């Protein structure tokens, strides 16, 4: 029997590592920019599902400038200083959830294509998480597609780069409103990773809370062949 999927794409923040643990460990580093992050998250929440924008960062800067009473150029430069530089530095000590590396390695061994789909820059994160040796055949930052999740643009772009139909791709994420809704809108299979209680309602094809469960679940559902 032919397996259901040929690729797995992953959200990063909150899916491959704990955001909460990272913030606690780097509290003093992040405290001075806490207000910036609060405003940026509000702007991004306003933009979720909208677009695609011709220049996502400029539109983000325009909205952030209004909220923070800055010029658009100042807001644009703040994003570069905090997101592209300061925040990326904390990834030098980020620890993956237990079992993540084993899952990535095993999927690669089985010739399942791997990809990343994130709303934030990825290059430094991959280095910080020490995943440079893992072959990701697509690494899509939603800004490239002009729209944040759950807009399907970034998921569709990932499918195009993987050269696969969306229905042959499983996307894994930790947010129902971003990852699951976006993946399903693009025609992908979706899995929800939860650290606490399973949500009462989900559009995900399955839910899991331990990365050690992941490969067995895929085998049980015949998404991949048993080794």
N, C-alpha and C. Protein backbone atom coordinates (compact mmCIF):
# COMPACT_ATOMS: atom_id res chain seq x y z
N UNK A 1 0.84 -1.20 0.00
CA UNK A 1 0.00 0.00 0.00
C UNK A 1 0.88 1.25 0.00
N UNK A 2 0.54 2.18 -0.87
CA UNK A 2 1.32 3.42 -0.96
C UNK A 2 1.06 4.30 0.26
N UNK A 3 2.11 4.84 0.88
CA UNK A 3 1.90 5.71 2.06
C UNK A 3 1.14 6.98 1.68
N UNK A 4 0.48 7.56 2.69
CA UNK A 4 -0.37 8.74 2.47
C UNK A 4 0.44 9.99 2.19
N UNK A 5 1.57 10.14 2.87
CA UNK A 5 2.34 11.38 2.77
C UNK A 5 3.73 11.16 2.19
N UNK A 6 4.23 12.22 1.56
CA UNK A 6 5.59 12.20 1.02
C UNK A 6 6.46 13.27 1.66
N UNK A 7 5.85 14.13 2.47
CA UNK A 7 6.60 15.21 3.13
C UNK A 7 5.93 15.62 4.42
N UNK A 8 6.73 16.15 5.33
CA UNK A 8 6.22 16.72 6.57
C UNK A 8 6.82 18.11 6.73
N UNK A 9 5.97 19.09 6.93
CA UNK A 9 6.45 20.44 7.23
C UNK A 9 6.15 20.75 8.69
N UNK A 10 7.00 21.56 9.28
CA UNK A 10 6.88 21.84 10.71
C UNK A 10 6.84 23.34 10.97
N UNK A 11 5.95 23.76 11.85
CA UNK A 11 6.06 25.06 12.48
C UNK A 11 7.29 24.98 13.39
N UNK A 12 7.82 26.11 13.81
CA UNK A 12 9.03 26.09 14.64
C UNK A 12 8.74 26.52 16.08
N UNK A 13 8.33 27.77 16.27
CA UNK A 13 8.14 28.32 17.61
C UNK A 13 6.97 27.65 18.32
N UNK A 14 7.27 26.98 19.43
CA UNK A 14 6.23 26.31 20.19
C UNK A 14 5.98 24.88 19.73
N UNK A 15 6.55 24.52 18.59
CA UNK A 15 6.37 23.16 18.06
C UNK A 15 7.64 22.34 18.19
N UNK A 16 8.76 22.93 17.81
CA UNK A 16 10.04 22.22 17.94
C UNK A 16 10.75 22.52 19.25
N UNK A 17 10.39 23.63 19.87
CA UNK A 17 10.99 24.00 21.17
C UNK A 17 9.97 24.77 21.97
N UNK A 18 10.19 24.92 23.27
CA UNK A 18 9.28 25.62 24.16
C UNK A 18 9.57 27.11 24.20
N UNK A 19 8.61 27.91 23.76
CA UNK A 19 8.77 29.37 23.83
C UNK A 19 8.83 29.81 25.28
N UNK A 20 7.99 29.23 26.11
CA UNK A 20 7.94 29.59 27.53
C UNK A 20 9.30 29.36 28.19
N UNK A 21 9.89 28.22 27.93
CA UNK A 21 11.20 27.91 28.53
C UNK A 21 12.26 28.88 28.04
N UNK A 22 12.19 29.23 26.74
CA UNK A 22 13.16 30.15 26.19
C UNK A 22 13.04 31.53 26.84
N UNK A 23 11.81 32.02 27.01
CA UNK A 23 11.58 33.34 27.60
C UNK A 23 12.08 33.37 29.05
N UNK A 24 11.82 32.30 29.80
CA UNK A 24 12.27 32.23 31.19
C UNK A 24 13.79 32.26 31.27
N UNK A 25 14.44 31.49 30.40
CA UNK A 25 15.90 31.41 30.43
C UNK A 25 16.55 32.73 30.02
N UNK A 26 15.87 33.48 29.17
CA UNK A 26 16.46 34.72 28.65
C UNK A 26 15.63 35.94 29.09
N UNK A 27 15.05 35.84 30.27
CA UNK A 27 14.16 36.90 30.75
C UNK A 27 14.83 38.26 30.78
N UNK A 28 16.04 38.34 31.31
CA UNK A 28 16.73 39.62 31.43
C UNK A 28 17.08 40.20 30.05
N UNK A 29 17.34 39.32 29.10
CA UNK A 29 17.65 39.78 27.74
C UNK A 29 16.42 40.34 27.05
N UNK A 30 15.27 39.70 27.29
CA UNK A 30 14.05 40.07 26.58
C UNK A 30 13.25 41.17 27.29
N UNK A 31 13.48 41.37 28.58
CA UNK A 31 12.70 42.34 29.35
C UNK A 31 12.72 43.75 28.75
N UNK A 32 13.88 44.28 28.32
CA UNK A 32 13.91 45.64 27.77
C UNK A 32 13.07 45.82 26.50
N UNK A 33 12.77 44.73 25.80
CA UNK A 33 12.01 44.84 24.55
C UNK A 33 10.62 44.22 24.68
N UNK A 34 10.18 44.03 25.92
CA UNK A 34 8.87 43.40 26.15
C UNK A 34 7.74 44.22 25.54
N UNK A 35 7.79 45.54 25.70
CA UNK A 35 6.74 46.40 25.14
C UNK A 35 6.73 46.35 23.62
N UNK A 36 7.92 46.27 23.03
CA UNK A 36 8.00 46.16 21.58
C UNK A 36 7.32 44.89 21.12
N UNK A 37 7.62 43.77 21.76
CA UNK A 37 7.02 42.50 21.38
C UNK A 37 5.50 42.54 21.55
N UNK A 38 5.04 43.17 22.61
CA UNK A 38 3.61 43.28 22.84
C UNK A 38 2.93 44.01 21.69
N UNK A 39 3.53 45.11 21.26
CA UNK A 39 2.96 45.89 20.15
C UNK A 39 3.07 45.14 18.83
N UNK A 40 4.22 44.49 18.61
CA UNK A 40 4.40 43.75 17.36
C UNK A 40 3.40 42.60 17.26
N UNK A 41 3.16 41.90 18.36
CA UNK A 41 2.21 40.80 18.35
C UNK A 41 0.80 41.30 18.06
N UNK A 42 0.45 42.46 18.59
CA UNK A 42 -0.87 43.03 18.30
C UNK A 42 -1.00 43.35 16.82
N UNK A 43 0.06 43.93 16.26
CA UNK A 43 0.04 44.26 14.83
C UNK A 43 -0.08 43.00 14.00
N UNK A 44 0.68 41.99 14.36
CA UNK A 44 0.65 40.74 13.59
C UNK A 44 -0.69 40.03 13.72
N UNK A 45 -1.30 40.12 14.89
CA UNK A 45 -2.62 39.52 15.05
C UNK A 45 -3.64 40.22 14.15
N UNK A 46 -3.48 41.53 14.00
CA UNK A 46 -4.36 42.29 13.10
C UNK A 46 -4.16 41.85 11.65
N UNK A 47 -2.94 41.47 11.31
CA UNK A 47 -2.60 41.14 9.92
C UNK A 47 -2.83 39.67 9.57
N UNK A 48 -3.09 38.84 10.58
CA UNK A 48 -3.24 37.41 10.32
C UNK A 48 -4.40 37.14 9.37
N UNK A 49 -4.10 36.39 8.34
CA UNK A 49 -5.12 36.04 7.37
C UNK A 49 -5.31 37.06 6.27
N UNK A 50 -4.72 38.26 6.43
CA UNK A 50 -4.86 39.30 5.42
C UNK A 50 -3.75 39.16 4.38
N UNK A 51 -3.96 39.82 3.25
CA UNK A 51 -2.92 39.82 2.22
C UNK A 51 -3.26 38.87 1.09
N UNK A 52 -2.26 38.46 0.33
CA UNK A 52 -0.83 38.76 0.50
C UNK A 52 -0.51 40.24 0.21
N UNK A 53 0.44 40.78 0.96
CA UNK A 53 0.91 42.14 0.77
C UNK A 53 2.13 42.11 -0.15
N UNK A 54 2.23 43.11 -1.01
CA UNK A 54 3.37 43.19 -1.92
C UNK A 54 4.69 43.29 -1.15
N UNK A 55 4.68 44.05 -0.06
CA UNK A 55 5.86 44.18 0.80
C UNK A 55 5.38 44.05 2.23
N UNK A 56 5.43 42.82 2.75
CA UNK A 56 4.89 42.54 4.07
C UNK A 56 5.54 43.40 5.15
N UNK A 57 6.86 43.51 5.11
CA UNK A 57 7.57 44.22 6.17
C UNK A 57 7.24 45.71 6.20
N UNK A 58 7.03 46.28 5.03
CA UNK A 58 6.67 47.70 5.01
C UNK A 58 5.26 47.90 5.56
N UNK A 59 4.36 47.01 5.24
CA UNK A 59 3.00 47.11 5.78
C UNK A 59 3.01 46.90 7.28
N UNK A 60 3.80 45.95 7.74
CA UNK A 60 3.95 45.72 9.17
C UNK A 60 4.53 46.96 9.85
N UNK A 61 5.55 47.56 9.23
CA UNK A 61 6.18 48.76 9.79
C UNK A 61 5.20 49.92 9.84
N UNK A 62 4.37 50.05 8.82
CA UNK A 62 3.38 51.14 8.78
C UNK A 62 2.42 51.01 9.96
N UNK A 63 1.94 49.82 10.21
CA UNK A 63 0.99 49.59 11.31
C UNK A 63 1.67 49.72 12.68
N UNK A 64 2.91 49.22 12.76
CA UNK A 64 3.65 49.31 14.02
C UNK A 64 3.98 50.77 14.33
N UNK A 65 4.30 51.54 13.31
CA UNK A 65 4.61 52.96 13.50
C UNK A 65 3.42 53.71 14.08
N UNK A 66 2.24 53.42 13.61
CA UNK A 66 1.03 54.06 14.13
C UNK A 66 0.81 53.71 15.60
N UNK A 67 1.06 52.46 15.94
CA UNK A 67 0.83 52.00 17.31
C UNK A 67 1.88 52.57 18.27
N UNK A 68 3.12 52.71 17.81
CA UNK A 68 4.20 53.15 18.69
C UNK A 68 4.57 54.62 18.51
N UNK A 69 3.81 55.33 17.66
CA UNK A 69 4.05 56.75 17.43
C UNK A 69 5.46 57.01 16.92
N UNK A 70 5.82 56.27 15.88
CA UNK A 70 7.14 56.39 15.26
C UNK A 70 6.97 56.66 13.77
N UNK A 71 8.07 56.97 13.11
CA UNK A 71 8.02 57.02 11.66
C UNK A 71 8.04 55.59 11.15
N UNK A 72 7.61 55.39 9.92
CA UNK A 72 7.61 54.04 9.36
C UNK A 72 9.02 53.49 9.27
N UNK A 73 9.97 54.36 8.95
CA UNK A 73 11.37 53.93 8.86
C UNK A 73 11.89 53.48 10.22
N UNK A 74 11.54 54.23 11.28
CA UNK A 74 11.97 53.86 12.62
C UNK A 74 11.40 52.50 13.03
N UNK A 75 10.12 52.31 12.73
CA UNK A 75 9.48 51.04 13.07
C UNK A 75 10.11 49.88 12.30
N UNK A 76 10.39 50.12 11.04
CA UNK A 76 11.03 49.10 10.19
C UNK A 76 12.38 48.70 10.77
N UNK A 77 13.16 49.70 11.19
CA UNK A 77 14.50 49.44 11.74
C UNK A 77 14.43 48.76 13.10
N UNK A 78 13.37 49.05 13.87
CA UNK A 78 13.19 48.37 15.16
C UNK A 78 12.99 46.88 14.97
N UNK A 79 12.22 46.53 13.98
CA UNK A 79 11.99 45.11 13.70
C UNK A 79 13.29 44.41 13.35
N UNK A 80 14.10 45.06 12.53
CA UNK A 80 15.40 44.49 12.18
C UNK A 80 16.27 44.31 13.42
N UNK A 81 16.32 45.35 14.26
CA UNK A 81 17.19 45.33 15.44
C UNK A 81 16.76 44.27 16.45
N UNK A 82 15.45 44.14 16.65
CA UNK A 82 14.97 43.21 17.69
C UNK A 82 14.74 41.80 17.14
N UNK A 83 14.01 41.69 16.04
CA UNK A 83 13.66 40.36 15.52
C UNK A 83 14.82 39.70 14.80
N UNK A 84 15.45 40.44 13.89
CA UNK A 84 16.50 39.84 13.06
C UNK A 84 17.83 39.70 13.78
N UNK A 85 18.05 40.51 14.81
CA UNK A 85 19.34 40.48 15.49
C UNK A 85 19.23 40.04 16.96
N UNK A 86 18.60 40.87 17.79
CA UNK A 86 18.58 40.58 19.22
C UNK A 86 17.91 39.25 19.54
N UNK A 87 16.73 39.02 18.98
CA UNK A 87 15.99 37.79 19.29
C UNK A 87 16.72 36.56 18.77
N UNK A 88 17.35 36.69 17.61
CA UNK A 88 18.06 35.54 17.05
C UNK A 88 19.22 35.09 17.93
N UNK A 89 19.79 36.02 18.69
CA UNK A 89 20.93 35.66 19.54
C UNK A 89 20.55 34.68 20.64
N UNK A 90 19.30 34.73 21.11
CA UNK A 90 18.91 33.83 22.20
C UNK A 90 18.78 32.39 21.72
N UNK A 91 18.74 32.19 20.41
CA UNK A 91 18.60 30.84 19.89
C UNK A 91 19.89 30.04 19.97
N UNK A 92 20.96 30.66 20.38
CA UNK A 92 22.21 29.93 20.52
C UNK A 92 22.13 28.86 21.59
N UNK A 93 21.16 29.00 22.52
CA UNK A 93 21.05 28.04 23.61
C UNK A 93 19.66 27.40 23.68
N UNK A 94 18.89 27.50 22.63
CA UNK A 94 17.56 26.90 22.63
C UNK A 94 17.66 25.38 22.57
N UNK A 95 16.83 24.72 23.35
CA UNK A 95 16.83 23.26 23.37
C UNK A 95 15.55 22.75 22.72
N UNK A 96 15.69 21.80 21.82
CA UNK A 96 14.54 21.19 21.17
C UNK A 96 13.75 20.36 22.17
N UNK A 97 12.46 20.19 21.90
CA UNK A 97 11.69 19.23 22.69
C UNK A 97 12.33 17.85 22.54
N UNK A 98 12.26 17.08 23.60
CA UNK A 98 12.83 15.73 23.57
C UNK A 98 12.16 14.90 22.46
N UNK A 99 12.96 14.31 21.64
CA UNK A 99 12.44 13.45 20.58
C UNK A 99 12.37 14.10 19.22
N UNK A 100 12.46 15.43 19.15
CA UNK A 100 12.33 16.12 17.86
C UNK A 100 13.44 15.71 16.89
N UNK A 101 14.68 15.76 17.35
CA UNK A 101 15.79 15.41 16.45
C UNK A 101 15.66 13.97 15.95
N UNK A 102 15.26 13.06 16.81
CA UNK A 102 15.10 11.67 16.39
C UNK A 102 14.03 11.54 15.31
N UNK A 103 12.94 12.29 15.46
CA UNK A 103 11.86 12.27 14.46
C UNK A 103 12.37 12.78 13.12
N UNK A 104 13.06 13.90 13.13
CA UNK A 104 13.58 14.48 11.89
C UNK A 104 14.56 13.53 11.21
N UNK A 105 15.43 12.93 12.00
CA UNK A 105 16.42 12.00 11.45
C UNK A 105 15.74 10.77 10.86
N UNK A 106 14.75 10.24 11.57
CA UNK A 106 14.07 9.03 11.10
C UNK A 106 13.25 9.30 9.85
N UNK A 107 12.58 10.42 9.79
CA UNK A 107 11.82 10.76 8.59
C UNK A 107 12.75 10.90 7.38
N UNK A 108 13.89 11.55 7.61
CA UNK A 108 14.87 11.68 6.54
C UNK A 108 15.38 10.34 6.07
N UNK A 109 15.61 9.44 7.03
CA UNK A 109 16.10 8.10 6.69
C UNK A 109 15.08 7.36 5.81
N UNK A 110 13.81 7.65 6.04
CA UNK A 110 12.75 6.98 5.27
C UNK A 110 12.39 7.72 3.98
N UNK A 111 13.22 8.69 3.62
CA UNK A 111 13.06 9.44 2.38
C UNK A 111 11.79 10.30 2.36
N UNK A 112 11.33 10.71 3.54
CA UNK A 112 10.23 11.67 3.65
C UNK A 112 10.83 13.06 3.59
N UNK A 113 10.36 13.88 2.66
CA UNK A 113 10.88 15.24 2.54
C UNK A 113 10.49 16.06 3.78
N UNK A 114 11.38 16.97 4.17
CA UNK A 114 11.16 17.80 5.36
C UNK A 114 11.11 19.27 4.98
N UNK A 115 10.31 20.03 5.71
CA UNK A 115 10.23 21.46 5.46
C UNK A 115 9.86 22.21 6.73
N UNK A 116 10.11 23.50 6.72
CA UNK A 116 9.75 24.39 7.83
C UNK A 116 8.86 25.50 7.28
N UNK A 117 7.84 25.87 8.04
CA UNK A 117 6.98 27.01 7.69
C UNK A 117 6.81 27.84 8.95
N UNK A 118 7.34 29.04 8.95
CA UNK A 118 7.34 29.88 10.14
C UNK A 118 6.96 31.32 9.81
N UNK A 119 6.38 32.00 10.79
CA UNK A 119 6.06 33.41 10.61
C UNK A 119 7.27 34.31 10.84
N UNK A 120 8.36 33.73 11.35
CA UNK A 120 9.56 34.52 11.67
C UNK A 120 10.78 33.95 10.94
N UNK A 121 11.84 34.77 10.79
CA UNK A 121 13.06 34.33 10.10
C UNK A 121 13.59 33.00 10.65
N UNK A 122 14.18 32.19 9.77
CA UNK A 122 14.55 30.83 10.14
C UNK A 122 16.05 30.54 10.18
N UNK A 123 16.83 31.23 9.39
CA UNK A 123 18.23 30.85 9.21
C UNK A 123 18.98 30.73 10.53
N UNK A 124 18.91 31.75 11.37
CA UNK A 124 19.63 31.72 12.64
C UNK A 124 19.02 30.73 13.62
N UNK A 125 17.70 30.52 13.51
CA UNK A 125 17.05 29.55 14.39
C UNK A 125 17.56 28.14 14.11
N UNK A 126 17.67 27.81 12.83
CA UNK A 126 18.16 26.49 12.45
C UNK A 126 19.57 26.26 13.01
N UNK A 127 20.39 27.30 12.91
CA UNK A 127 21.76 27.20 13.44
C UNK A 127 21.72 27.08 14.96
N UNK A 128 20.89 27.89 15.61
CA UNK A 128 20.81 27.88 17.06
C UNK A 128 20.28 26.57 17.61
N UNK A 129 19.36 25.95 16.89
CA UNK A 129 18.81 24.66 17.32
C UNK A 129 19.70 23.50 16.91
N UNK A 130 20.83 23.83 16.27
CA UNK A 130 21.81 22.83 15.83
C UNK A 130 21.18 21.80 14.90
N UNK A 131 20.45 22.32 13.92
CA UNK A 131 19.79 21.45 12.94
C UNK A 131 20.38 21.64 11.54
N UNK A 132 21.60 22.18 11.46
CA UNK A 132 22.20 22.42 10.14
C UNK A 132 22.43 21.12 9.36
N UNK A 133 22.53 20.01 10.08
CA UNK A 133 22.79 18.74 9.41
C UNK A 133 21.52 18.09 8.85
N UNK A 134 20.36 18.63 9.22
CA UNK A 134 19.09 18.11 8.73
C UNK A 134 18.76 18.77 7.40
N UNK A 135 18.38 17.98 6.41
CA UNK A 135 18.06 18.53 5.09
C UNK A 135 16.59 18.94 5.04
N UNK A 136 16.36 20.26 5.05
CA UNK A 136 15.01 20.80 4.87
C UNK A 136 14.91 21.25 3.42
N UNK A 137 14.04 20.61 2.69
CA UNK A 137 13.94 20.91 1.26
C UNK A 137 13.14 22.18 0.98
N UNK A 138 12.49 22.70 2.01
CA UNK A 138 11.89 24.02 1.92
C UNK A 138 11.90 24.65 3.30
N UNK A 139 12.19 25.94 3.37
CA UNK A 139 12.15 26.70 4.62
C UNK A 139 11.44 28.01 4.30
N UNK A 140 10.15 28.03 4.51
CA UNK A 140 9.33 29.17 4.13
C UNK A 140 9.06 30.08 5.32
N UNK A 141 9.43 31.34 5.18
CA UNK A 141 9.05 32.37 6.15
C UNK A 141 7.82 33.06 5.56
N UNK A 142 6.76 33.13 6.34
CA UNK A 142 5.48 33.65 5.84
C UNK A 142 5.61 35.02 5.19
N UNK A 143 6.56 35.82 5.67
CA UNK A 143 6.77 37.14 5.08
C UNK A 143 7.10 37.03 3.60
N UNK A 144 7.80 35.97 3.21
CA UNK A 144 8.14 35.76 1.80
C UNK A 144 6.88 35.65 0.95
N UNK A 145 5.87 35.00 1.51
CA UNK A 145 4.62 34.80 0.79
C UNK A 145 3.70 36.01 0.91
N UNK A 146 4.09 36.97 1.75
CA UNK A 146 3.31 38.20 1.89
C UNK A 146 2.17 38.14 2.88
N UNK A 147 2.03 37.01 3.59
CA UNK A 147 0.90 36.87 4.51
C UNK A 147 1.23 35.89 5.62
N UNK A 148 0.82 36.23 6.83
CA UNK A 148 1.04 35.36 7.98
C UNK A 148 0.03 34.21 7.97
N UNK A 149 0.37 33.13 8.66
CA UNK A 149 -0.61 32.08 8.90
C UNK A 149 -1.82 32.70 9.63
N UNK A 150 -3.03 32.26 9.40
CA UNK A 150 -3.43 31.06 8.66
C UNK A 150 -3.68 31.27 7.17
N UNK A 151 -3.26 32.40 6.62
CA UNK A 151 -3.39 32.56 5.18
C UNK A 151 -2.68 31.37 4.52
N UNK A 152 -3.28 30.74 3.52
CA UNK A 152 -2.67 29.55 2.93
C UNK A 152 -1.44 29.80 2.06
N UNK A 153 -1.09 31.08 1.81
CA UNK A 153 -0.01 31.39 0.87
C UNK A 153 1.31 30.71 1.20
N UNK A 154 1.73 30.73 2.46
CA UNK A 154 3.02 30.14 2.82
C UNK A 154 2.98 28.61 2.71
N UNK A 155 1.84 28.02 2.98
CA UNK A 155 1.70 26.56 2.86
C UNK A 155 1.74 26.15 1.39
N UNK A 156 1.07 26.93 0.55
CA UNK A 156 1.07 26.65 -0.88
C UNK A 156 2.48 26.81 -1.46
N UNK A 157 3.19 27.86 -1.00
CA UNK A 157 4.56 28.07 -1.46
C UNK A 157 5.44 26.89 -1.07
N UNK A 158 5.27 26.38 0.14
CA UNK A 158 6.05 25.23 0.59
C UNK A 158 5.77 24.01 -0.29
N UNK A 159 4.51 23.80 -0.61
CA UNK A 159 4.14 22.66 -1.46
C UNK A 159 4.78 22.79 -2.84
N UNK A 160 4.78 24.02 -3.37
CA UNK A 160 5.40 24.25 -4.68
C UNK A 160 6.89 23.95 -4.64
N UNK A 161 7.56 24.39 -3.57
CA UNK A 161 9.00 24.15 -3.46
C UNK A 161 9.32 22.68 -3.23
N UNK A 162 8.41 21.96 -2.58
CA UNK A 162 8.58 20.53 -2.37
C UNK A 162 8.21 19.73 -3.62
N UNK A 163 7.54 20.42 -4.57
CA UNK A 163 7.08 19.80 -5.81
C UNK A 163 6.12 18.64 -5.52
N UNK A 164 5.20 18.92 -4.58
CA UNK A 164 4.20 17.93 -4.20
C UNK A 164 2.82 18.58 -4.13
N UNK A 165 1.80 17.77 -4.31
CA UNK A 165 0.45 18.25 -4.09
C UNK A 165 0.23 18.43 -2.58
N UNK A 166 -0.50 19.47 -2.16
CA UNK A 166 -0.69 19.70 -0.72
C UNK A 166 -1.23 18.49 0.03
N UNK A 167 -2.09 17.71 -0.61
CA UNK A 167 -2.68 16.56 0.09
C UNK A 167 -1.68 15.45 0.37
N UNK A 168 -0.47 15.58 -0.16
CA UNK A 168 0.59 14.60 0.11
C UNK A 168 1.55 15.10 1.20
N UNK A 169 1.17 16.21 1.83
CA UNK A 169 2.04 16.83 2.84
C UNK A 169 1.32 16.89 4.19
N UNK A 170 2.01 16.52 5.24
CA UNK A 170 1.51 16.68 6.61
C UNK A 170 2.18 17.89 7.23
N UNK A 171 1.39 18.81 7.75
CA UNK A 171 1.96 19.96 8.47
C UNK A 171 1.72 19.77 9.96
N UNK A 172 2.75 20.06 10.75
CA UNK A 172 2.69 19.91 12.20
C UNK A 172 2.88 21.27 12.86
N UNK A 173 1.96 21.65 13.74
CA UNK A 173 2.08 22.92 14.43
C UNK A 173 1.40 22.88 15.78
N UNK A 174 1.62 23.93 16.56
CA UNK A 174 1.06 23.96 17.93
C UNK A 174 -0.13 24.90 18.07
N UNK A 175 -0.52 25.59 16.98
CA UNK A 175 -1.63 26.54 17.08
C UNK A 175 -2.76 26.17 16.12
N UNK A 176 -3.92 25.97 16.69
CA UNK A 176 -5.09 25.65 15.89
C UNK A 176 -5.42 26.78 14.92
N UNK A 177 -5.35 28.03 15.43
CA UNK A 177 -5.78 29.18 14.64
C UNK A 177 -4.81 29.56 13.54
N UNK A 178 -3.58 29.12 13.64
CA UNK A 178 -2.57 29.47 12.62
C UNK A 178 -2.16 28.26 11.80
N UNK A 179 -1.62 27.25 12.47
CA UNK A 179 -1.07 26.10 11.76
C UNK A 179 -2.14 25.18 11.18
N UNK A 180 -3.08 24.80 12.01
CA UNK A 180 -4.08 23.82 11.56
C UNK A 180 -5.02 24.44 10.53
N UNK A 181 -5.56 25.61 10.82
CA UNK A 181 -6.48 26.25 9.88
C UNK A 181 -5.77 26.59 8.57
N UNK A 182 -4.53 27.06 8.66
CA UNK A 182 -3.79 27.41 7.45
C UNK A 182 -3.47 26.20 6.60
N UNK A 183 -3.01 25.13 7.24
CA UNK A 183 -2.67 23.91 6.51
C UNK A 183 -3.89 23.31 5.83
N UNK A 184 -5.00 23.25 6.57
CA UNK A 184 -6.23 22.67 6.00
C UNK A 184 -6.76 23.53 4.86
N UNK A 185 -6.63 24.85 4.99
CA UNK A 185 -7.08 25.74 3.92
C UNK A 185 -6.29 25.54 2.64
N UNK A 186 -5.02 25.12 2.80
CA UNK A 186 -4.16 24.87 1.64
C UNK A 186 -4.33 23.46 1.09
N UNK A 187 -5.12 22.62 1.78
CA UNK A 187 -5.35 21.26 1.33
C UNK A 187 -4.41 20.23 1.92
N UNK A 188 -3.66 20.61 2.96
CA UNK A 188 -2.72 19.68 3.58
C UNK A 188 -3.39 18.86 4.68
N UNK A 189 -2.74 17.77 5.06
CA UNK A 189 -3.08 17.04 6.27
C UNK A 189 -2.47 17.83 7.42
N UNK A 190 -3.07 17.78 8.61
CA UNK A 190 -2.56 18.60 9.70
C UNK A 190 -2.53 17.82 11.02
N UNK A 191 -1.48 18.05 11.80
CA UNK A 191 -1.34 17.44 13.12
C UNK A 191 -1.09 18.55 14.14
N UNK A 192 -1.76 18.47 15.27
CA UNK A 192 -1.64 19.48 16.32
C UNK A 192 -0.79 18.94 17.46
N UNK A 193 0.29 19.66 17.78
CA UNK A 193 1.14 19.31 18.93
C UNK A 193 0.68 20.13 20.13
N UNK A 194 0.33 19.46 21.22
CA UNK A 194 -0.15 20.15 22.41
C UNK A 194 0.73 19.80 23.60
N UNK A 195 0.94 20.77 24.49
CA UNK A 195 1.70 20.54 25.71
C UNK A 195 0.79 20.38 26.91
N UNK A 196 -0.43 20.85 26.78
CA UNK A 196 -1.38 20.74 27.88
C UNK A 196 -2.58 19.89 27.47
N UNK A 197 -3.78 20.44 27.74
CA UNK A 197 -5.00 19.73 27.41
C UNK A 197 -5.29 19.79 25.92
N UNK A 198 -5.83 18.70 25.40
CA UNK A 198 -6.26 18.68 24.01
C UNK A 198 -7.47 19.59 23.85
N UNK A 199 -7.49 20.47 22.86
CA UNK A 199 -8.63 21.37 22.68
C UNK A 199 -9.90 20.57 22.42
N UNK A 200 -11.06 21.06 22.90
CA UNK A 200 -12.32 20.33 22.72
C UNK A 200 -12.70 20.16 21.26
N UNK A 201 -12.29 21.11 20.42
CA UNK A 201 -12.58 21.03 19.00
C UNK A 201 -11.32 21.35 18.21
N UNK A 202 -11.06 20.56 17.21
CA UNK A 202 -9.91 20.82 16.35
C UNK A 202 -10.19 20.27 14.96
N UNK A 203 -9.60 20.94 13.97
CA UNK A 203 -9.69 20.47 12.59
C UNK A 203 -8.52 19.56 12.23
N UNK A 204 -7.63 19.36 13.20
CA UNK A 204 -6.45 18.54 12.94
C UNK A 204 -6.84 17.09 12.69
N UNK A 205 -6.05 16.42 11.85
CA UNK A 205 -6.29 15.01 11.58
C UNK A 205 -5.90 14.14 12.77
N UNK A 206 -4.94 14.61 13.54
CA UNK A 206 -4.66 13.95 14.81
C UNK A 206 -3.92 14.92 15.73
N UNK A 207 -3.96 14.60 17.02
CA UNK A 207 -3.34 15.43 18.05
C UNK A 207 -2.35 14.55 18.83
N UNK A 208 -1.20 15.10 19.17
CA UNK A 208 -0.23 14.36 19.97
C UNK A 208 0.48 15.30 20.93
N UNK A 209 1.04 14.75 22.00
CA UNK A 209 1.68 15.58 23.03
C UNK A 209 3.11 15.17 23.34
N UNK A 210 3.56 14.12 22.70
CA UNK A 210 4.92 13.61 22.95
C UNK A 210 5.53 13.24 21.62
N UNK A 211 6.71 13.78 21.32
CA UNK A 211 7.32 13.52 20.02
C UNK A 211 7.69 12.06 19.82
N UNK A 212 7.81 11.31 20.91
CA UNK A 212 8.09 9.88 20.78
C UNK A 212 6.89 9.14 20.19
N UNK A 213 5.70 9.75 20.27
CA UNK A 213 4.49 9.14 19.73
C UNK A 213 4.37 9.35 18.22
N UNK A 214 5.11 10.31 17.69
CA UNK A 214 4.85 10.81 16.34
C UNK A 214 5.01 9.74 15.25
N UNK A 215 6.16 9.09 15.17
CA UNK A 215 6.39 8.08 14.13
C UNK A 215 5.40 6.92 14.26
N UNK A 216 5.18 6.38 15.48
CA UNK A 216 4.18 5.31 15.61
C UNK A 216 2.78 5.71 15.13
N UNK A 217 2.40 6.96 15.39
CA UNK A 217 1.08 7.42 14.93
C UNK A 217 1.03 7.43 13.40
N UNK A 218 2.09 7.93 12.76
CA UNK A 218 2.13 7.96 11.31
C UNK A 218 2.05 6.54 10.74
N UNK A 219 2.72 5.60 11.38
CA UNK A 219 2.68 4.21 10.92
C UNK A 219 1.29 3.62 11.12
N UNK A 220 0.71 3.88 12.27
CA UNK A 220 -0.62 3.33 12.58
C UNK A 220 -1.67 3.84 11.60
N UNK A 221 -1.53 5.10 11.20
CA UNK A 221 -2.49 5.69 10.27
C UNK A 221 -2.11 5.44 8.81
N UNK A 222 -1.06 4.67 8.62
CA UNK A 222 -0.59 4.33 7.28
C UNK A 222 -0.18 5.56 6.46
N UNK A 223 0.26 6.61 7.18
CA UNK A 223 0.78 7.79 6.50
C UNK A 223 2.19 7.52 5.97
N UNK A 224 2.92 6.68 6.71
CA UNK A 224 4.22 6.20 6.26
C UNK A 224 4.25 4.70 6.45
N UNK A 225 5.13 4.03 5.74
CA UNK A 225 5.25 2.58 5.88
C UNK A 225 6.06 2.23 7.12
N UNK A 226 5.74 1.10 7.73
CA UNK A 226 6.53 0.65 8.87
C UNK A 226 7.91 0.24 8.39
N UNK A 227 8.91 0.55 9.21
CA UNK A 227 10.29 0.22 8.81
C UNK A 227 10.57 -1.26 9.01
